[in-house]
Amino acid sequence: MTHAADLEFALELADVADQISLERFTALDLKVETKPDRSPVTDADRSVEQALKGMIAEHRPGDALIGEEFGSAAGENNRTWIIDPIDGTANFMRGVPVWASLICLAIDGKPTVSVVSAPALGRRWWAAPASSGAHGGAFTRDLDGSVRHIHVSGISDLEHASLSYNNLQLWDQAGKADQLIEFSRKIWRTRAYGDFWSYMLLAEGTLEIVAEHDLKIYDIAALVPIVEQAGGRFSALDGELTAETSSVLATNGRLHEASLAAFN
C-alpha cells in the first residue's frame, strides 16, 4: 500500500466524518454524557468513530485501530489507524466551531499520514511523507476550496514568537503555570487557540510555539505529520515523543531547543 493510497483513504474517512458531525453540530437533541475521566462525549463522537471503524475494517482489514471512544482493535501488520472522532468536544457541544476529526495512520509506531478536518470552519489539513511525490508534504484546503502547500514560519528569535497553549487550569494542575507565565515574558504574544487549531496555525506559519498538557495519543497523532511535513518539530515537553506522552511541545523548529529549555 502506498502513502498516496493511504492518504486518499484518509481523506475519504474525513469526508464521512464531516458529514456525520456537521449534521449533529448545534442540534437541539444532541446527547451529551460524562465519561469516567470526567470529559464530555456526544452521540456525534460515537457515531463518527463507529462509521470510520467500519470503513477501516472493510477497506483495511489487516490494520489495527486506536479510537478515543471505543478503544483499540488489534491488527495483523505494522499499521495502526488512530482516530479522534471530534477533537474539541467541549466546543462542539457549546456551538463553538473550533473542532475537528483527527485521522492518522501510524506505520511501525510512527505517525505517517494524517488528516485534520474542521468542517464548521470550512477548513482541512493533511500530510504524507515527501517521498509520496505530488501527494507529499503538508497541505491545507482554504475556505474558497483552493489547496496550497503550507510551511512553518522562519522566525528564529523568541522575542518575535507567538505561543498558543490549551488552558491555564491544566498548566496549574501540572505544576507548570509559573513556567508558562515566565516564558510569556520572553516572547511577543500568547494566545490559547487550543486543541488542533493551535498546531494547524503553527504548520501554516501563523504562530511559532504550541505547548499543552493532559493529552492522549489520539489527541496528538494526526497533528504530528502535518507539523513535521510543514517543517516544524514535535516532541514531548520534556524530550522524546512516545505513545505515552501527555505533555507536548511543537515549534517551527528554529525555536524548539530554546522552548524546551524554558520549560525544563
Protein backbone atom coordinates (compact mmCIF):
# COMPACT_ATOMS: atom_id res chain seq x y z
CA MET A 1 0.00 0.00 0.00
CA THR A 2 1.46 3.38 -0.99
CA HIS A 3 1.35 6.52 1.15
CA ALA A 4 -0.65 8.20 -1.62
CA ALA A 5 -3.31 5.46 -1.45
CA ASP A 6 -3.41 5.70 2.34
CA LEU A 7 -3.84 9.46 2.14
CA GLU A 8 -6.67 9.12 -0.36
CA PHE A 9 -8.42 6.70 2.01
CA ALA A 10 -7.82 9.01 5.00
CA LEU A 11 -9.43 11.86 3.06
CA GLU A 12 -12.43 9.62 2.34
CA LEU A 13 -12.69 8.88 6.06
CA ALA A 14 -12.65 12.62 6.73
CA ASP A 15 -15.46 13.20 4.23
CA VAL A 16 -17.65 10.72 6.11
CA ALA A 17 -16.70 12.20 9.47
CA ASP A 18 -17.58 15.70 8.26
CA GLN A 19 -21.00 14.65 7.03
CA ILE A 20 -21.93 12.96 10.31
CA SER A 21 -20.53 15.60 12.65
CA LEU A 22 -21.95 18.62 10.81
CA GLU A 23 -25.43 17.13 10.90
CA ARG A 24 -25.23 17.00 14.71
CA PHE A 25 -23.48 20.34 15.28
CA THR A 26 -25.84 22.73 17.13
CA ALA A 27 -28.57 20.02 17.08
CA LEU A 28 -31.14 20.66 19.80
CA ASP A 29 -31.38 16.95 20.59
CA LEU A 30 -27.60 16.39 20.89
CA LYS A 31 -26.95 13.74 23.53
CA VAL A 32 -24.09 14.55 25.93
CA GLU A 33 -22.68 12.22 28.58
CA THR A 34 -19.75 12.40 31.00
CA LYS A 35 -17.10 9.69 30.68
CA PRO A 36 -15.29 8.18 33.71
CA ASP A 37 -12.41 10.63 33.19
CA ARG A 38 -15.00 13.46 33.50
CA SER A 39 -14.59 14.54 29.86
CA PRO A 40 -17.73 15.00 27.75
CA VAL A 41 -18.78 12.74 24.89
CA THR A 42 -21.65 13.28 22.45
CA ASP A 43 -23.63 10.98 20.20
CA ALA A 44 -21.74 12.62 17.32
CA ASP A 45 -18.35 11.48 18.70
CA ARG A 46 -19.58 7.91 18.87
CA SER A 47 -21.33 7.94 15.51
CA VAL A 48 -18.26 9.28 13.71
CA GLU A 49 -15.93 6.75 15.29
CA GLN A 50 -18.28 3.85 14.58
CA ALA A 51 -18.53 4.85 10.92
CA LEU A 52 -14.77 5.21 10.48
CA LYS A 53 -14.15 1.97 12.34
CA GLY A 54 -16.46 0.17 9.92
CA MET A 55 -14.74 1.68 6.87
CA ILE A 56 -11.30 0.69 8.16
CA ALA A 57 -12.48 -2.86 8.90
CA GLU A 58 -13.84 -3.13 5.35
CA HIS A 59 -11.08 -1.47 3.33
CA ARG A 60 -8.00 -2.03 5.55
CA PRO A 61 -8.90 -5.29 7.32
CA GLY A 62 -5.35 -6.09 8.44
CA ASP A 63 -4.76 -2.72 10.10
CA ALA A 64 -5.07 -2.04 13.83
CA LEU A 65 -7.17 0.78 15.27
CA ILE A 66 -6.92 3.07 18.28
CA GLY A 67 -10.02 5.18 18.87
CA GLU A 68 -10.95 7.57 21.65
CA GLU A 69 -14.45 6.26 22.27
CA PHE A 70 -14.33 2.51 21.56
CA GLY A 71 -10.75 1.59 22.40
CA SER A 72 -8.35 -0.49 20.34
CA ALA A 73 -8.67 -3.28 17.79
CA ALA A 74 -5.68 -5.48 17.03
CA GLY A 75 -4.24 -5.79 13.54
CA GLU A 76 -2.13 -8.23 11.57
CA ASN A 77 0.60 -5.86 10.41
CA ASN A 78 2.64 -2.80 11.41
CA ARG A 79 -0.10 -0.29 10.57
CA THR A 80 -2.39 1.42 13.08
CA TRP A 81 -5.15 3.96 12.46
CA ILE A 82 -5.50 6.45 15.32
CA ILE A 83 -8.82 8.29 15.45
CA ASP A 84 -10.18 11.18 17.50
CA PRO A 85 -13.71 11.50 16.09
CA ILE A 86 -14.21 15.04 17.41
CA ASP A 87 -11.25 16.89 18.88
CA GLY A 88 -12.75 19.79 20.80
CA THR A 89 -15.92 18.10 22.04
CA ALA A 90 -16.48 20.85 24.62
CA ASN A 91 -16.51 23.39 21.78
CA PHE A 92 -18.75 21.16 19.68
CA MET A 93 -21.41 20.81 22.34
CA ARG A 94 -21.36 24.56 23.11
CA GLY A 95 -21.75 25.59 19.46
CA VAL A 96 -18.16 26.85 19.05
CA PRO A 97 -16.98 25.92 15.53
CA VAL A 98 -13.37 25.11 16.54
CA TRP A 99 -13.45 21.28 16.48
CA ALA A 100 -12.15 18.68 14.08
CA SER A 101 -11.89 15.00 13.26
CA LEU A 102 -8.32 13.74 13.62
CA ILE A 103 -7.32 10.77 11.46
CA CYS A 104 -3.82 9.29 11.46
CA LEU A 105 -2.09 6.22 10.09
CA ALA A 106 0.97 5.19 12.09
CA ILE A 107 3.42 2.80 10.44
CA ASP A 108 5.89 0.97 12.68
CA GLY A 109 4.61 3.17 15.50
CA LYS A 110 5.37 6.46 13.73
CA PRO A 111 2.54 8.84 12.70
CA THR A 112 3.00 8.95 8.94
CA VAL A 113 -0.16 10.02 7.08
CA SER A 114 -2.85 12.22 8.59
CA VAL A 115 -5.89 14.40 8.01
CA VAL A 116 -7.34 17.09 10.29
CA SER A 117 -10.79 18.15 9.11
CA ALA A 118 -12.70 21.07 10.65
CA PRO A 119 -15.95 21.30 8.66
CA ALA A 120 -17.58 24.02 10.78
CA LEU A 121 -14.61 26.23 9.91
CA GLY A 122 -14.66 25.11 6.28
CA ARG A 123 -11.01 24.02 6.59
CA ARG A 124 -8.96 20.86 6.22
CA TRP A 125 -5.26 19.97 6.56
CA TRP A 126 -3.37 16.81 5.59
CA ALA A 127 0.13 15.43 5.18
CA ALA A 128 2.08 12.48 3.82
CA PRO A 129 5.83 11.83 3.54
CA ALA A 130 7.72 13.84 0.94
CA SER A 131 8.55 10.56 -0.82
CA SER A 132 4.87 10.36 -1.86
CA GLY A 133 5.58 12.55 -4.91
CA ALA A 134 2.90 15.15 -5.66
CA HIS A 135 0.99 13.99 -2.57
CA GLY A 136 3.98 14.53 -0.27
CA GLY A 137 4.28 17.39 2.19
CA ALA A 138 1.70 19.33 4.20
CA PHE A 139 -1.35 20.93 2.62
CA THR A 140 -4.47 22.84 3.51
CA ARG A 141 -7.77 23.49 1.79
CA ASP A 142 -8.93 27.07 2.28
CA LEU A 143 -12.46 28.44 2.56
CA ASP A 144 -12.63 29.06 -1.20
CA GLY A 145 -11.79 25.41 -1.89
CA SER A 146 -8.25 26.11 -3.12
CA VAL A 147 -5.42 23.83 -1.97
CA ARG A 148 -1.93 25.01 -1.05
CA HIS A 149 1.30 23.74 0.47
CA ILE A 150 1.93 25.04 3.97
CA HIS A 151 5.16 25.72 5.84
CA VAL A 152 6.12 26.89 9.30
CA SER A 153 7.46 30.40 9.84
CA GLY A 154 11.13 31.36 9.68
CA ILE A 155 11.12 33.32 12.95
CA SER A 156 14.20 32.47 15.00
CA ASP A 157 14.02 34.91 17.93
CA LEU A 158 11.80 34.27 20.94
CA GLU A 159 11.03 37.97 21.24
CA HIS A 160 9.22 37.81 17.89
CA ALA A 161 7.44 34.49 18.54
CA SER A 162 3.79 33.71 19.25
CA LEU A 163 2.80 30.88 21.61
CA SER A 164 -0.52 29.04 21.89
CA TYR A 165 -1.49 26.73 24.75
CA ASN A 166 -4.63 24.89 25.89
CA ASN A 167 -5.91 26.19 29.24
CA LEU A 168 -4.40 27.57 32.42
CA GLN A 169 -6.11 25.05 34.69
CA LEU A 170 -4.19 22.18 33.10
CA TRP A 171 -0.91 24.06 33.40
CA ASP A 172 -1.70 24.73 37.04
CA GLN A 173 -2.58 21.07 37.66
CA ALA A 174 0.71 20.02 36.04
CA GLY A 175 2.61 22.42 38.32
CA LYS A 176 3.85 24.35 35.27
CA ALA A 177 1.79 27.54 35.40
CA ASP A 178 4.71 29.59 36.71
CA GLN A 179 6.90 28.33 33.85
CA LEU A 180 4.26 29.35 31.32
CA ILE A 181 4.00 32.84 32.77
CA GLU A 182 7.77 33.23 32.92
CA PHE A 183 8.11 32.06 29.31
CA SER A 184 5.41 34.53 28.24
CA ARG A 185 7.70 37.36 29.35
CA LYS A 186 10.32 36.26 26.81
CA ILE A 187 8.08 36.15 23.76
CA TRP A 188 5.97 38.52 21.72
CA ARG A 189 2.50 37.10 22.17
CA THR A 190 0.46 34.38 23.87
CA ARG A 191 -2.96 33.07 22.89
CA ALA A 192 -4.98 29.99 23.84
CA TYR A 193 -6.41 28.89 20.48
CA GLY A 194 -6.50 25.36 21.87
CA ASP A 195 -6.94 21.83 20.58
CA PHE A 196 -5.95 21.01 16.97
CA TRP A 197 -6.28 24.65 15.87
CA SER A 198 -3.03 25.75 17.52
CA TYR A 199 -1.00 23.15 15.63
CA MET A 200 -2.54 23.92 12.28
CA LEU A 201 -1.75 27.63 12.75
CA LEU A 202 1.82 26.59 13.56
CA ALA A 203 2.03 24.49 10.39
CA GLU A 204 0.72 27.43 8.35
CA GLY A 205 3.38 29.76 9.81
CA THR A 206 0.91 31.92 11.75
CA LEU A 207 2.49 31.18 15.14
CA GLU A 208 5.71 29.55 16.28
CA ILE A 209 5.20 27.55 19.50
CA VAL A 210 2.47 25.29 20.88
CA ALA A 211 2.60 23.61 24.29
CA GLU A 212 -0.08 21.55 26.03
CA HIS A 213 -0.67 19.14 28.90
CA ASP A 214 -3.03 16.23 29.57
CA LEU A 215 -3.22 14.77 26.05
CA LYS A 216 -3.70 11.21 24.81
CA ILE A 217 -2.28 9.52 21.72
CA TYR A 218 -5.47 10.18 19.72
CA ASP A 219 -5.19 13.91 20.54
CA ILE A 220 -1.63 14.02 19.23
CA ALA A 221 -1.04 11.52 16.42
CA ALA A 222 -2.74 13.29 13.49
CA LEU A 223 -1.04 16.59 14.32
CA VAL A 224 2.49 15.22 14.07
CA PRO A 225 2.80 14.53 10.29
CA ILE A 226 1.27 17.90 9.40
CA VAL A 227 3.61 19.86 11.68
CA GLU A 228 6.68 17.86 10.65
CA GLN A 229 5.94 17.87 6.91
CA ALA A 230 5.44 21.64 7.18
CA GLY A 231 9.00 21.91 8.50
CA GLY A 232 8.29 22.02 12.23
CA ARG A 233 9.30 19.86 15.20
CA PHE A 234 7.15 17.87 17.58
CA SER A 235 8.29 16.39 20.90
CA ALA A 236 7.28 15.74 24.46
CA LEU A 237 7.56 18.83 26.62
CA ASP A 238 10.49 17.17 28.38
CA GLY A 239 12.13 15.40 25.45
CA GLU A 240 11.29 12.46 23.18
CA LEU A 241 7.75 11.93 21.91
CA THR A 242 6.36 8.46 22.70
CA ALA A 243 2.96 6.76 22.67
CA GLU A 244 2.68 7.55 26.39
CA THR A 245 3.46 11.28 26.04
CA SER A 246 0.81 13.54 27.58
CA SER A 247 2.59 16.91 27.58
CA VAL A 248 3.78 18.11 24.18
CA LEU A 249 5.76 20.86 22.52
CA ALA A 250 5.55 21.75 18.83
CA THR A 251 7.50 24.57 17.21
CA ASN A 252 8.71 25.90 13.88
CA GLY A 253 11.95 24.05 14.58
CA ARG A 254 14.14 27.12 14.94
CA LEU A 255 12.77 27.78 18.44
CA HIS A 256 12.48 24.22 19.67
CA GLU A 257 15.61 23.96 21.82
CA ALA A 258 15.02 27.37 23.41
CA SER A 259 11.43 26.41 24.18
CA LEU A 260 12.43 23.04 25.64
CA ALA A 261 14.96 24.80 27.87
CA ALA A 262 12.35 27.28 29.08
CA PHE A 263 10.00 24.50 30.20
CA ASN A 264 12.71 22.34 31.77
